Amino acid sequence: MNYKYNEKYKFTETWFDIAIPGWEQLLPPMKGEIKNVLEVGCYEGRATVWLCENILNDDSIEYNYDIVDTFGGSLNESGMSGTKERLEEDNFIENNFNHNISFFPNVNFNINKGFSQEILPRWKYGEKYDLIYIDASHRADDTLVDGYYSHRMLKKGGIIIFDDYGWKDPNNLHIINSPQLGIDVFYNMYSENYNMILRGYQVGFQKIK
């Protein structure tokens, strides 16, 4: 993975970087079509910044970008050193995210702070988004709920990407504690509506009807 982030950004984790090769192949051909984005779970905005730098970078266009996140992080992330101490710092994640998106004045960010399973059901249904990225809860049921409401708001031809399909909780291997089951159920329910276009640690689908 050769993509380099500018040092002006404030990042402490590189989880998203494993997804960049897949995104580099999948999303640039749709660059002119992606103007309305929903990201469910953003952390410090590493995926957000990549999208803004590579896809939402036409200064003549005003892009709309909705964010849903608790900005509380997660204590069950594996491979994270000092997690508890960092999460205890006041607004640490949220402050980093706001700093990182401040460099993109052509993108209209709408930040919704809270749990997606509480926020998304309150939104008006309608095919609004060209791209939806789901990277919030690691629970299968939460992921399914995020997918269910996102499906109702994704345009025909739009793309929905789920993170962490290959993630397992090393401390609890029950299937409820991984997004995989929720993503599989989502695709089984809506298989007539989607083509699978990405499969690996992440999975992605394009809405065909």
C-alpha atoms as a PDB file:
ATOM      1  CA  MET A   1       0.000   0.000   0.000  1.00  0.00           C
ATOM      2  CA  ASN A   2       1.718   3.166  -1.236  1.00  0.00           C
ATOM      3  CA  TYR A   3      -0.837   5.859  -0.392  1.00  0.00           C
ATOM      4  CA  LYS A   4       0.597   8.594   1.810  1.00  0.00           C
ATOM      5  CA  TYR A   5      -1.370  10.967   4.008  1.00  0.00           C
ATOM      6  CA  ASN A   6      -0.158  14.508   4.531  1.00  0.00           C
ATOM      7  CA  GLU A   7       1.396  15.180   7.917  1.00  0.00           C
ATOM      8  CA  LYS A   8      -1.097  17.982   8.519  1.00  0.00           C
ATOM      9  CA  TYR A   9      -3.715  15.392   9.478  1.00  0.00           C
ATOM     10  CA  LYS A  10      -4.064  14.059  13.005  1.00  0.00           C
ATOM     11  CA  PHE A  11      -4.261  10.257  12.948  1.00  0.00           C
ATOM     12  CA  THR A  12      -3.322   7.693  15.556  1.00  0.00           C
ATOM     13  CA  GLU A  13      -4.544   4.559  13.754  1.00  0.00           C
ATOM     14  CA  THR A  14      -4.144   3.120  10.255  1.00  0.00           C
ATOM     15  CA  TRP A  15      -6.978   0.564  10.203  1.00  0.00           C
ATOM     16  CA  PHE A  16      -8.460   1.896   6.975  1.00  0.00           C
ATOM     17  CA  ASP A  17      -5.275   1.503   4.958  1.00  0.00           C
ATOM     18  CA  ILE A  18      -5.892  -2.175   4.223  1.00  0.00           C
ATOM     19  CA  ALA A  19      -8.951  -1.077   2.218  1.00  0.00           C
ATOM     20  CA  ILE A  20      -7.214   1.493   0.023  1.00  0.00           C
ATOM     21  CA  PRO A  21      -6.145  -0.858  -2.829  1.00  0.00           C
ATOM     22  CA  GLY A  22      -9.756  -2.030  -3.243  1.00  0.00           C
ATOM     23  CA  TRP A  23     -11.108   1.517  -3.115  1.00  0.00           C
ATOM     24  CA  GLU A  24      -8.503   2.686  -5.645  1.00  0.00           C
ATOM     25  CA  GLN A  25      -9.844   0.165  -8.132  1.00  0.00           C
ATOM     26  CA  LEU A  26     -13.530   0.498  -7.324  1.00  0.00           C
ATOM     27  CA  LEU A  27     -14.314   4.171  -6.795  1.00  0.00           C
ATOM     28  CA  PRO A  28     -12.318   6.367  -9.236  1.00  0.00           C
ATOM     29  CA  PRO A  29     -14.395   5.227 -12.272  1.00  0.00           C
ATOM     30  CA  MET A  30     -17.466   6.585 -10.420  1.00  0.00           C
ATOM     31  CA  LYS A  31     -15.785   9.825  -9.382  1.00  0.00           C
ATOM     32  CA  GLY A  32     -18.137  12.139 -11.244  1.00  0.00           C
ATOM     33  CA  GLU A  33     -21.207  10.289  -9.975  1.00  0.00           C
ATOM     34  CA  ILE A  34     -20.421  10.348  -6.243  1.00  0.00           C
ATOM     35  CA  LYS A  35     -21.673  13.620  -4.760  1.00  0.00           C
ATOM     36  CA  ASN A  36     -23.719  12.522  -1.733  1.00  0.00           C
ATOM     37  CA  VAL A  37     -22.026  10.310   0.855  1.00  0.00           C
ATOM     38  CA  LEU A  38     -23.051   8.705   4.137  1.00  0.00           C
ATOM     39  CA  GLU A  39     -20.388   7.344   6.463  1.00  0.00           C
ATOM     40  CA  VAL A  40     -21.615   5.333   9.443  1.00  0.00           C
ATOM     41  CA  GLY A  41     -18.688   5.192  11.830  1.00  0.00           C
ATOM     42  CA  CYS A  42     -15.800   7.497  10.958  1.00  0.00           C
ATOM     43  CA  TYR A  43     -13.396   7.451  13.946  1.00  0.00           C
ATOM     44  CA  GLU A  44     -10.694  10.053  13.136  1.00  0.00           C
ATOM     45  CA  GLY A  45     -11.715  10.294   9.479  1.00  0.00           C
ATOM     46  CA  ARG A  46      -9.014   8.349   7.682  1.00  0.00           C
ATOM     47  CA  ALA A  47     -11.504   6.992   5.127  1.00  0.00           C
ATOM     48  CA  THR A  48     -13.193  10.393   5.027  1.00  0.00           C
ATOM     49  CA  VAL A  49      -9.956  12.126   4.103  1.00  0.00           C
ATOM     50  CA  TRP A  50      -9.146   9.535   1.428  1.00  0.00           C
ATOM     51  CA  LEU A  51     -12.545  10.101  -0.190  1.00  0.00           C
ATOM     52  CA  CYS A  52     -12.178  13.869  -0.051  1.00  0.00           C
ATOM     53  CA  GLU A  53      -8.691  13.788  -1.533  1.00  0.00           C
ATOM     54  CA  ASN A  54      -9.403  11.281  -4.277  1.00  0.00           C
ATOM     55  CA  ILE A  55     -13.125  11.306  -5.136  1.00  0.00           C
ATOM     56  CA  LEU A  56     -14.698  14.510  -3.793  1.00  0.00           C
ATOM     57  CA  ASN A  57     -11.966  16.798  -5.081  1.00  0.00           C
ATOM     58  CA  ASP A  58     -13.612  18.812  -7.846  1.00  0.00           C
ATOM     59  CA  ASP A  59     -13.632  22.362  -6.495  1.00  0.00           C
ATOM     60  CA  SER A  60     -16.497  23.291  -8.811  1.00  0.00           C
ATOM     61  CA  ILE A  61     -18.834  20.845  -7.030  1.00  0.00           C
ATOM     62  CA  GLU A  62     -20.360  21.163  -3.557  1.00  0.00           C
ATOM     63  CA  TYR A  63     -20.448  17.698  -2.076  1.00  0.00           C
ATOM     64  CA  ASN A  64     -22.744  16.571   0.745  1.00  0.00           C
ATOM     65  CA  TYR A  65     -21.276  14.236   3.336  1.00  0.00           C
ATOM     66  CA  ASP A  66     -23.304  12.919   6.290  1.00  0.00           C
ATOM     67  CA  ILE A  67     -21.479  11.426   9.258  1.00  0.00           C
ATOM     68  CA  VAL A  68     -22.874   9.260  12.055  1.00  0.00           C
ATOM     69  CA  ASP A  69     -20.590   8.374  14.963  1.00  0.00           C
ATOM     70  CA  THR A  70     -20.573   8.360  18.751  1.00  0.00           C
ATOM     71  CA  PHE A  71     -16.929   9.530  18.735  1.00  0.00           C
ATOM     72  CA  GLY A  72     -16.511   7.275  21.733  1.00  0.00           C
ATOM     73  CA  GLY A  73     -14.268   4.731  20.032  1.00  0.00           C
ATOM     74  CA  SER A  74     -14.150   1.087  20.988  1.00  0.00           C
ATOM     75  CA  LEU A  75     -12.219  -0.704  23.673  1.00  0.00           C
ATOM     76  CA  ASN A  76     -12.277  -4.052  21.846  1.00  0.00           C
ATOM     77  CA  GLU A  77     -10.095  -3.008  18.905  1.00  0.00           C
ATOM     78  CA  SER A  78      -7.238  -5.463  18.635  1.00  0.00           C
ATOM     79  CA  GLY A  79      -3.706  -4.218  18.093  1.00  0.00           C
ATOM     80  CA  MET A  80      -4.382  -0.811  19.581  1.00  0.00           C
ATOM     81  CA  SER A  81      -1.839   0.373  22.123  1.00  0.00           C
ATOM     82  CA  GLY A  82      -2.962   2.787  24.805  1.00  0.00           C
ATOM     83  CA  THR A  83      -6.589   2.624  23.705  1.00  0.00           C
ATOM     84  CA  LYS A  84      -8.167   3.119  27.088  1.00  0.00           C
ATOM     85  CA  GLU A  85      -5.939   6.072  27.942  1.00  0.00           C
ATOM     86  CA  ARG A  86      -6.616   7.789  24.610  1.00  0.00           C
ATOM     87  CA  LEU A  87     -10.356   7.253  24.776  1.00  0.00           C
ATOM     88  CA  GLU A  88     -10.440   8.800  28.235  1.00  0.00           C
ATOM     89  CA  GLU A  89      -9.083  12.077  26.886  1.00  0.00           C
ATOM     90  CA  ASP A  90     -11.955  14.524  26.448  1.00  0.00           C
ATOM     91  CA  ASN A  91     -13.220  14.612  22.860  1.00  0.00           C
ATOM     92  CA  PHE A  92      -9.948  13.150  21.573  1.00  0.00           C
ATOM     93  CA  ILE A  93     -11.430  11.326  18.569  1.00  0.00           C
ATOM     94  CA  GLU A  94     -13.960  14.026  17.710  1.00  0.00           C
ATOM     95  CA  ASN A  95     -11.332  16.782  17.850  1.00  0.00           C
ATOM     96  CA  ASN A  96      -9.040  14.866  15.512  1.00  0.00           C
ATOM     97  CA  PHE A  97     -11.900  14.233  13.095  1.00  0.00           C
ATOM     98  CA  ASN A  98     -12.946  17.886  13.018  1.00  0.00           C
ATOM     99  CA  HIS A  99      -9.347  18.926  12.428  1.00  0.00           C
ATOM    100  CA  ASN A 100      -8.951  16.464   9.567  1.00  0.00           C
ATOM    101  CA  ILE A 101     -12.079  17.490   7.667  1.00  0.00           C
ATOM    102  CA  SER A 102     -11.324  21.209   8.059  1.00  0.00           C
ATOM    103  CA  PHE A 103      -9.131  21.076   4.950  1.00  0.00           C
ATOM    104  CA  PHE A 104     -12.066  20.428   2.582  1.00  0.00           C
ATOM    105  CA  PRO A 105     -14.194  23.582   2.270  1.00  0.00           C
ATOM    106  CA  ASN A 106     -16.026  22.269  -0.821  1.00  0.00           C
ATOM    107  CA  VAL A 107     -17.547  19.414   1.196  1.00  0.00           C
ATOM    108  CA  ASN A 108     -20.665  20.107   3.277  1.00  0.00           C
ATOM    109  CA  PHE A 109     -20.262  17.907   6.342  1.00  0.00           C
ATOM    110  CA  ASN A 110     -23.306  17.144   8.480  1.00  0.00           C
ATOM    111  CA  ILE A 111     -22.155  15.459  11.693  1.00  0.00           C
ATOM    112  CA  ASN A 112     -24.683  13.405  13.658  1.00  0.00           C
ATOM    113  CA  LYS A 113     -23.278  12.408  17.026  1.00  0.00           C
ATOM    114  CA  GLY A 114     -24.788   9.283  18.532  1.00  0.00           C
ATOM    115  CA  PHE A 115     -25.537   5.632  17.873  1.00  0.00           C
ATOM    116  CA  SER A 116     -26.482   4.830  14.284  1.00  0.00           C
ATOM    117  CA  GLN A 117     -29.201   2.415  15.405  1.00  0.00           C
ATOM    118  CA  GLU A 118     -30.914   5.375  17.073  1.00  0.00           C
ATOM    119  CA  ILE A 119     -30.163   8.073  14.479  1.00  0.00           C
ATOM    120  CA  LEU A 120     -30.797   6.348  11.137  1.00  0.00           C
ATOM    121  CA  PRO A 121     -34.382   5.220  11.928  1.00  0.00           C
ATOM    122  CA  ARG A 122     -35.342   8.867  12.489  1.00  0.00           C
ATOM    123  CA  TRP A 123     -34.234   9.949   9.014  1.00  0.00           C
ATOM    124  CA  LYS A 124     -36.626  10.323   6.129  1.00  0.00           C
ATOM    125  CA  TYR A 125     -36.445   7.435   3.679  1.00  0.00           C
ATOM    126  CA  GLY A 126     -35.561   8.175   0.105  1.00  0.00           C
ATOM    127  CA  GLU A 127     -32.812   7.370  -2.367  1.00  0.00           C
ATOM    128  CA  LYS A 128     -30.337  10.096  -1.486  1.00  0.00           C
ATOM    129  CA  TYR A 129     -26.815   8.689  -1.355  1.00  0.00           C
ATOM    130  CA  ASP A 130     -24.377   7.685  -4.094  1.00  0.00           C
ATOM    131  CA  LEU A 131     -22.003   6.022  -1.627  1.00  0.00           C
ATOM    132  CA  ILE A 132     -22.539   4.618   1.859  1.00  0.00           C
ATOM    133  CA  TYR A 133     -19.688   3.306   4.004  1.00  0.00           C
ATOM    134  CA  ILE A 134     -20.570   1.299   7.121  1.00  0.00           C
ATOM    135  CA  ASP A 135     -17.855   0.949   9.744  1.00  0.00           C
ATOM    136  CA  ALA A 136     -19.548   1.341  13.097  1.00  0.00           C
ATOM    137  CA  SER A 137     -20.474  -1.472  15.487  1.00  0.00           C
ATOM    138  CA  HIS A 138     -18.721  -4.834  15.355  1.00  0.00           C
ATOM    139  CA  ARG A 139     -21.922  -6.643  16.322  1.00  0.00           C
ATOM    140  CA  ALA A 140     -23.757  -8.577  13.629  1.00  0.00           C
ATOM    141  CA  ASP A 141     -27.199  -7.277  14.608  1.00  0.00           C
ATOM    142  CA  ASP A 142     -26.085  -3.647  14.687  1.00  0.00           C
ATOM    143  CA  THR A 143     -24.427  -4.028  11.292  1.00  0.00           C
ATOM    144  CA  LEU A 144     -27.606  -5.512   9.832  1.00  0.00           C
ATOM    145  CA  VAL A 145     -29.656  -2.593  11.170  1.00  0.00           C
ATOM    146  CA  ASP A 146     -27.181  -0.110   9.662  1.00  0.00           C
ATOM    147  CA  GLY A 147     -27.430  -1.945   6.341  1.00  0.00           C
ATOM    148  CA  TYR A 148     -31.229  -2.086   6.450  1.00  0.00           C
ATOM    149  CA  TYR A 149     -31.667   1.667   6.834  1.00  0.00           C
ATOM    150  CA  SER A 150     -28.822   2.437   4.436  1.00  0.00           C
ATOM    151  CA  HIS A 151     -30.445   0.271   1.765  1.00  0.00           C
ATOM    152  CA  ARG A 152     -33.528   2.492   1.905  1.00  0.00           C
ATOM    153  CA  MET A 153     -31.420   5.620   1.323  1.00  0.00           C
ATOM    154  CA  LEU A 154     -29.047   4.393  -1.394  1.00  0.00           C
ATOM    155  CA  LYS A 155     -29.662   5.454  -4.984  1.00  0.00           C
ATOM    156  CA  LYS A 156     -29.922   2.971  -7.824  1.00  0.00           C
ATOM    157  CA  GLY A 157     -26.395   2.554  -9.124  1.00  0.00           C
ATOM    158  CA  GLY A 158     -25.000   3.593  -5.750  1.00  0.00           C
ATOM    159  CA  ILE A 159     -22.434   1.639  -3.768  1.00  0.00           C
ATOM    160  CA  ILE A 160     -22.583   0.399  -0.186  1.00  0.00           C
ATOM    161  CA  ILE A 161     -19.373  -0.828   1.447  1.00  0.00           C
ATOM    162  CA  PHE A 162     -19.192  -2.725   4.729  1.00  0.00           C
ATOM    163  CA  ASP A 163     -15.952  -2.768   6.706  1.00  0.00           C
ATOM    164  CA  ASP A 164     -14.697  -5.573   8.963  1.00  0.00           C
ATOM    165  CA  TYR A 165     -16.262  -8.530   7.137  1.00  0.00           C
ATOM    166  CA  GLY A 166     -13.159 -10.465   8.095  1.00  0.00           C
ATOM    167  CA  TRP A 167     -12.891  -9.159  11.652  1.00  0.00           C
ATOM    168  CA  LYS A 168     -13.222 -11.458  14.669  1.00  0.00           C
ATOM    169  CA  ASP A 169     -13.192 -10.551  18.334  1.00  0.00           C
ATOM    170  CA  PRO A 170     -10.217 -12.515  19.718  1.00  0.00           C
ATOM    171  CA  ASN A 171     -11.836 -12.514  23.148  1.00  0.00           C
ATOM    172  CA  ASN A 172     -15.277 -13.718  22.061  1.00  0.00           C
ATOM    173  CA  LEU A 173     -15.677 -15.719  18.856  1.00  0.00           C
ATOM    174  CA  HIS A 174     -19.471 -16.007  19.009  1.00  0.00           C
ATOM    175  CA  ILE A 175     -20.937 -15.010  15.625  1.00  0.00           C
ATOM    176  CA  ILE A 176     -22.913 -12.105  17.116  1.00  0.00           C
ATOM    177  CA  ASN A 177     -19.593 -10.390  17.855  1.00  0.00           C
ATOM    178  CA  SER A 178     -18.540 -10.045  14.224  1.00  0.00           C
ATOM    179  CA  PRO A 179     -20.144  -7.989  11.423  1.00  0.00           C
ATOM    180  CA  GLN A 180     -19.929 -10.936   9.020  1.00  0.00           C
ATOM    181  CA  LEU A 181     -23.254 -12.554   9.888  1.00  0.00           C
ATOM    182  CA  GLY A 182     -25.096  -9.242   9.675  1.00  0.00           C
ATOM    183  CA  ILE A 183     -23.566  -8.511   6.258  1.00  0.00           C
ATOM    184  CA  ASP A 184     -24.408 -12.003   4.994  1.00  0.00           C
ATOM    185  CA  VAL A 185     -28.022 -11.633   6.118  1.00  0.00           C
ATOM    186  CA  PHE A 186     -28.199  -8.201   4.455  1.00  0.00           C
ATOM    187  CA  TYR A 187     -27.017  -9.613   1.135  1.00  0.00           C
ATOM    188  CA  ASN A 188     -29.261 -12.679   1.347  1.00  0.00           C
ATOM    189  CA  MET A 189     -32.285 -10.451   1.949  1.00  0.00           C
ATOM    190  CA  TYR A 190     -31.487  -7.982  -0.815  1.00  0.00           C
ATOM    191  CA  SER A 191     -29.550 -10.114  -3.304  1.00  0.00           C
ATOM    192  CA  GLU A 192     -32.009  -9.213  -6.071  1.00  0.00           C
ATOM    193  CA  ASN A 193     -31.203  -5.546  -5.520  1.00  0.00           C
ATOM    194  CA  TYR A 194     -27.410  -5.745  -5.577  1.00  0.00           C
ATOM    195  CA  ASN A 195     -24.347  -6.989  -7.390  1.00  0.00           C
ATOM    196  CA  MET A 196     -21.361  -7.829  -5.227  1.00  0.00           C
ATOM    197  CA  ILE A 197     -18.419  -5.775  -6.481  1.00  0.00           C
ATOM    198  CA  LEU A 198     -15.923  -6.098  -3.631  1.00  0.00           C
ATOM    199  CA  ARG A 199     -15.090  -9.065  -1.428  1.00  0.00           C
ATOM    200  CA  GLY A 200     -12.287  -9.479   1.048  1.00  0.00           C
ATOM    201  CA  TYR A 201     -11.786  -7.954   4.469  1.00  0.00           C
ATOM    202  CA  GLN A 202     -14.394  -5.493   3.229  1.00  0.00           C
ATOM    203  CA  VAL A 203     -17.391  -6.266   1.012  1.00  0.00           C
ATOM    204  CA  GLY A 204     -19.173  -3.915  -1.336  1.00  0.00           C
ATOM    205  CA  PHE A 205     -22.392  -4.019  -3.335  1.00  0.00           C
ATOM    206  CA  GLN A 206     -23.799  -1.903  -6.155  1.00  0.00           C
ATOM    207  CA  LYS A 207     -27.541  -1.303  -6.147  1.00  0.00           C
ATOM    208  CA  ILE A 208     -29.122  -2.411  -9.404  1.00  0.00           C
ATOM    209  CA  LYS A 209     -32.785  -1.866  -8.527  1.00  0.00           C
END
